[in-house]
Amino acid sequence: MRTLCLFILVFISILEISPIPITPLILIWIVLFRPPWFYNLIIKIYDKQP
């Protein structure tokens, strides 16, 4: 899971070199539509089971 997130962040960083800003568009999409995969990712990241 951690490597997948790292790969996606590196990919987005490479796309940011282009003249079109990608990150704000992705964040706006996440805020507007709240996809289930994003919620599940946040739950996995912050899950603190003893």
PDB file of N, CA and C in Angstrom:
ATOM      1  N   MET A   1       0.821  -1.189   0.000  1.00  0.00           N
ATOM      2  CA  MET A   1       0.000   0.000   0.000  1.00  0.00           C
ATOM      3  C   MET A   1       0.871   1.261   0.000  1.00  0.00           C
ATOM      4  N   ARG A   2       1.903   1.227   0.793  1.00  0.00           N
ATOM      5  CA  ARG A   2       2.781   2.377   0.898  1.00  0.00           C
ATOM      6  C   ARG A   2       3.531   2.619  -0.408  1.00  0.00           C
ATOM      7  N   THR A   3       3.955   1.555  -1.043  1.00  0.00           N
ATOM      8  CA  THR A   3       4.671   1.713  -2.312  1.00  0.00           C
ATOM      9  C   THR A   3       3.747   2.220  -3.412  1.00  0.00           C
ATOM     10  N   LEU A   4       2.505   1.791  -3.389  1.00  0.00           N
ATOM     11  CA  LEU A   4       1.538   2.275  -4.368  1.00  0.00           C
ATOM     12  C   LEU A   4       1.312   3.779  -4.199  1.00  0.00           C
ATOM     13  N   CYS A   5       1.146   4.223  -2.970  1.00  0.00           N
ATOM     14  CA  CYS A   5       0.980   5.662  -2.718  1.00  0.00           C
ATOM     15  C   CYS A   5       2.209   6.441  -3.155  1.00  0.00           C
ATOM     16  N   LEU A   6       3.376   5.898  -2.887  1.00  0.00           N
ATOM     17  CA  LEU A   6       4.603   6.553  -3.307  1.00  0.00           C
ATOM     18  C   LEU A   6       4.693   6.643  -4.827  1.00  0.00           C
ATOM     19  N   PHE A   7       4.346   5.565  -5.498  1.00  0.00           N
ATOM     20  CA  PHE A   7       4.360   5.556  -6.961  1.00  0.00           C
ATOM     21  C   PHE A   7       3.402   6.599  -7.527  1.00  0.00           C
ATOM     22  N   ILE A   8       2.221   6.698  -6.966  1.00  0.00           N
ATOM     23  CA  ILE A   8       1.232   7.674  -7.440  1.00  0.00           C
ATOM     24  C   ILE A   8       1.726   9.094  -7.198  1.00  0.00           C
ATOM     25  N   LEU A   9       2.317   9.346  -6.039  1.00  0.00           N
ATOM     26  CA  LEU A   9       2.848  10.686  -5.764  1.00  0.00           C
ATOM     27  C   LEU A   9       3.988  11.059  -6.706  1.00  0.00           C
ATOM     28  N   VAL A  10       4.841  10.113  -7.006  1.00  0.00           N
ATOM     29  CA  VAL A  10       5.927  10.376  -7.958  1.00  0.00           C
ATOM     30  C   VAL A  10       5.351  10.651  -9.344  1.00  0.00           C
ATOM     31  N   PHE A  11       4.357   9.889  -9.732  1.00  0.00           N
ATOM     32  CA  PHE A  11       3.717  10.089 -11.034  1.00  0.00           C
ATOM     33  C   PHE A  11       3.078  11.471 -11.128  1.00  0.00           C
ATOM     34  N   ILE A  12       2.388  11.887 -10.074  1.00  0.00           N
ATOM     35  CA  ILE A  12       1.764  13.218 -10.063  1.00  0.00           C
ATOM     36  C   ILE A  12       2.835  14.299 -10.084  1.00  0.00           C
ATOM     37  N   SER A  13       3.933  14.078  -9.392  1.00  0.00           N
ATOM     38  CA  SER A  13       5.025  15.053  -9.401  1.00  0.00           C
ATOM     39  C   SER A  13       5.604  15.217 -10.800  1.00  0.00           C
ATOM     40  N   ILE A  14       5.724  14.136 -11.526  1.00  0.00           N
ATOM     41  CA  ILE A  14       6.225  14.216 -12.902  1.00  0.00           C
ATOM     42  C   ILE A  14       5.231  14.970 -13.785  1.00  0.00           C
ATOM     43  N   LEU A  15       3.952  14.737 -13.573  1.00  0.00           N
ATOM     44  CA  LEU A  15       2.945  15.443 -14.369  1.00  0.00           C
ATOM     45  C   LEU A  15       2.898  16.936 -14.054  1.00  0.00           C
ATOM     46  N   GLU A  16       3.299  17.310 -12.861  1.00  0.00           N
ATOM     47  CA  GLU A  16       3.280  18.723 -12.475  1.00  0.00           C
ATOM     48  C   GLU A  16       4.282  19.552 -13.269  1.00  0.00           C
ATOM     49  N   ILE A  17       5.226  18.921 -13.913  1.00  0.00           N
ATOM     50  CA  ILE A  17       6.202  19.652 -14.719  1.00  0.00           C
ATOM     51  C   ILE A  17       5.520  20.288 -15.932  1.00  0.00           C
ATOM     52  N   SER A  18       4.460  19.673 -16.386  1.00  0.00           N
ATOM     53  CA  SER A  18       3.738  20.215 -17.535  1.00  0.00           C
ATOM     54  C   SER A  18       3.064  21.543 -17.162  1.00  0.00           C
ATOM     55  N   PRO A  19       2.645  22.314 -18.147  1.00  0.00           N
ATOM     56  CA  PRO A  19       2.046  23.619 -17.844  1.00  0.00           C
ATOM     57  C   PRO A  19       0.668  23.553 -17.189  1.00  0.00           C
ATOM     58  N   ILE A  20       0.030  22.401 -17.231  1.00  0.00           N
ATOM     59  CA  ILE A  20      -1.297  22.258 -16.620  1.00  0.00           C
ATOM     60  C   ILE A  20      -1.134  21.704 -15.209  1.00  0.00           C
ATOM     61  N   PRO A  21      -1.620  22.415 -14.194  1.00  0.00           N
ATOM     62  CA  PRO A  21      -1.504  21.899 -12.830  1.00  0.00           C
ATOM     63  C   PRO A  21      -2.467  20.721 -12.605  1.00  0.00           C
ATOM     64  N   ILE A  22      -1.935  19.597 -12.235  1.00  0.00           N
ATOM     65  CA  ILE A  22      -2.730  18.383 -12.083  1.00  0.00           C
ATOM     66  C   ILE A  22      -3.250  18.214 -10.655  1.00  0.00           C
ATOM     67  N   THR A  23      -2.419  18.488  -9.673  1.00  0.00           N
ATOM     68  CA  THR A  23      -2.791  18.235  -8.279  1.00  0.00           C
ATOM     69  C   THR A  23      -4.049  18.991  -7.850  1.00  0.00           C
ATOM     70  N   PRO A  24      -4.166  20.289  -8.132  1.00  0.00           N
ATOM     71  CA  PRO A  24      -5.406  20.968  -7.727  1.00  0.00           C
ATOM     72  C   PRO A  24      -6.654  20.370  -8.383  1.00  0.00           C
ATOM     73  N   LEU A  25      -6.525  19.932  -9.622  1.00  0.00           N
ATOM     74  CA  LEU A  25      -7.681  19.322 -10.296  1.00  0.00           C
ATOM     75  C   LEU A  25      -8.081  18.005  -9.625  1.00  0.00           C
ATOM     76  N   ILE A  26      -7.095  17.216  -9.246  1.00  0.00           N
ATOM     77  CA  ILE A  26      -7.384  15.947  -8.562  1.00  0.00           C
ATOM     78  C   ILE A  26      -8.015  16.220  -7.205  1.00  0.00           C
ATOM     79  N   LEU A  27      -7.485  17.193  -6.482  1.00  0.00           N
ATOM     80  CA  LEU A  27      -8.035  17.503  -5.156  1.00  0.00           C
ATOM     81  C   LEU A  27      -9.453  18.058  -5.247  1.00  0.00           C
ATOM     82  N   ILE A  28      -9.718  18.867  -6.229  1.00  0.00           N
ATOM     83  CA  ILE A  28     -11.089  19.374  -6.415  1.00  0.00           C
ATOM     84  C   ILE A  28     -12.035  18.222  -6.722  1.00  0.00           C
ATOM     85  N   TRP A  29     -11.594  17.293  -7.555  1.00  0.00           N
ATOM     86  CA  TRP A  29     -12.416  16.129  -7.877  1.00  0.00           C
ATOM     87  C   TRP A  29     -12.705  15.296  -6.622  1.00  0.00           C
ATOM     88  N   ILE A  30     -11.694  15.101  -5.786  1.00  0.00           N
ATOM     89  CA  ILE A  30     -11.871  14.324  -4.554  1.00  0.00           C
ATOM     90  C   ILE A  30     -12.836  15.026  -3.608  1.00  0.00           C
ATOM     91  N   VAL A  31     -12.710  16.331  -3.472  1.00  0.00           N
ATOM     92  CA  VAL A  31     -13.600  17.073  -2.573  1.00  0.00           C
ATOM     93  C   VAL A  31     -15.034  17.054  -3.088  1.00  0.00           C
ATOM     94  N   LEU A  32     -15.220  17.201  -4.381  1.00  0.00           N
ATOM     95  CA  LEU A  32     -16.573  17.259  -4.930  1.00  0.00           C
ATOM     96  C   LEU A  32     -17.285  15.907  -4.931  1.00  0.00           C
ATOM     97  N   PHE A  33     -16.583  14.857  -5.313  1.00  0.00           N
ATOM     98  CA  PHE A  33     -17.251  13.572  -5.513  1.00  0.00           C
ATOM     99  C   PHE A  33     -17.031  12.567  -4.388  1.00  0.00           C
ATOM    100  N   ARG A  34     -16.041  12.802  -3.535  1.00  0.00           N
ATOM    101  CA  ARG A  34     -15.744  11.916  -2.407  1.00  0.00           C
ATOM    102  C   ARG A  34     -15.801  10.442  -2.794  1.00  0.00           C
ATOM    103  N   PRO A  35     -14.867  10.001  -3.604  1.00  0.00           N
ATOM    104  CA  PRO A  35     -14.893   8.607  -4.057  1.00  0.00           C
ATOM    105  C   PRO A  35     -14.633   7.638  -2.898  1.00  0.00           C
ATOM    106  N   PRO A  36     -15.255   6.469  -2.928  1.00  0.00           N
ATOM    107  CA  PRO A  36     -15.087   5.498  -1.840  1.00  0.00           C
ATOM    108  C   PRO A  36     -13.648   5.028  -1.668  1.00  0.00           C
ATOM    109  N   TRP A  37     -12.887   4.942  -2.749  1.00  0.00           N
ATOM    110  CA  TRP A  37     -11.507   4.487  -2.609  1.00  0.00           C
ATOM    111  C   TRP A  37     -10.681   5.458  -1.779  1.00  0.00           C
ATOM    112  N   PHE A  38     -11.002   6.755  -1.852  1.00  0.00           N
ATOM    113  CA  PHE A  38     -10.255   7.734  -1.078  1.00  0.00           C
ATOM    114  C   PHE A  38     -10.572   7.583   0.411  1.00  0.00           C
ATOM    115  N   TYR A  39     -11.829   7.390   0.716  1.00  0.00           N
ATOM    116  CA  TYR A  39     -12.234   7.186   2.109  1.00  0.00           C
ATOM    117  C   TYR A  39     -11.576   5.923   2.677  1.00  0.00           C
ATOM    118  N   ASN A  40     -11.556   4.862   1.911  1.00  0.00           N
ATOM    119  CA  ASN A  40     -10.928   3.618   2.371  1.00  0.00           C
ATOM    120  C   ASN A  40      -9.425   3.797   2.569  1.00  0.00           C
ATOM    121  N   LEU A  41      -8.801   4.560   1.708  1.00  0.00           N
ATOM    122  CA  LEU A  41      -7.373   4.825   1.853  1.00  0.00           C
ATOM    123  C   LEU A  41      -7.097   5.580   3.152  1.00  0.00           C
ATOM    124  N   ILE A  42      -7.902   6.577   3.447  1.00  0.00           N
ATOM    125  CA  ILE A  42      -7.725   7.347   4.675  1.00  0.00           C
ATOM    126  C   ILE A  42      -7.940   6.470   5.902  1.00  0.00           C
ATOM    127  N   ILE A  43      -8.927   5.618   5.851  1.00  0.00           N
ATOM    128  CA  ILE A  43      -9.177   4.691   6.967  1.00  0.00           C
ATOM    129  C   ILE A  43      -7.970   3.773   7.181  1.00  0.00           C
ATOM    130  N   LYS A  44      -7.402   3.268   6.105  1.00  0.00           N
ATOM    131  CA  LYS A  44      -6.230   2.384   6.222  1.00  0.00           C
ATOM    132  C   LYS A  44      -5.027   3.128   6.782  1.00  0.00           C
ATOM    133  N   ILE A  45      -4.844   4.363   6.366  1.00  0.00           N
ATOM    134  CA  ILE A  45      -3.684   5.133   6.815  1.00  0.00           C
ATOM    135  C   ILE A  45      -3.799   5.456   8.309  1.00  0.00           C
ATOM    136  N   TYR A  46      -4.980   5.850   8.758  1.00  0.00           N
ATOM    137  CA  TYR A  46      -5.134   6.317  10.129  1.00  0.00           C
ATOM    138  C   TYR A  46      -5.704   5.261  11.070  1.00  0.00           C
ATOM    139  N   ASP A  47      -5.826   4.047  10.631  1.00  0.00           N
ATOM    140  CA  ASP A  47      -6.337   2.982  11.480  1.00  0.00           C
ATOM    141  C   ASP A  47      -5.305   2.625  12.543  1.00  0.00           C
ATOM    142  N   LYS A  48      -5.654   2.808  13.785  1.00  0.00           N
ATOM    143  CA  LYS A  48      -4.724   2.541  14.898  1.00  0.00           C
ATOM    144  C   LYS A  48      -5.288   1.464  15.808  1.00  0.00           C
ATOM    145  N   GLN A  49      -5.369   0.275  15.300  1.00  0.00           N
ATOM    146  CA  GLN A  49      -5.835  -0.847  16.096  1.00  0.00           C
ATOM    147  C   GLN A  49      -4.728  -1.297  17.046  1.00  0.00           C
ATOM    148  N   PRO A  50      -5.042  -1.516  18.323  1.00  0.00           N
ATOM    149  CA  PRO A  50      -4.010  -1.981  19.263  1.00  0.00           C
ATOM    150  C   PRO A  50      -3.600  -3.424  19.007  1.00  0.00           C
TER     151      PRO A  50
END
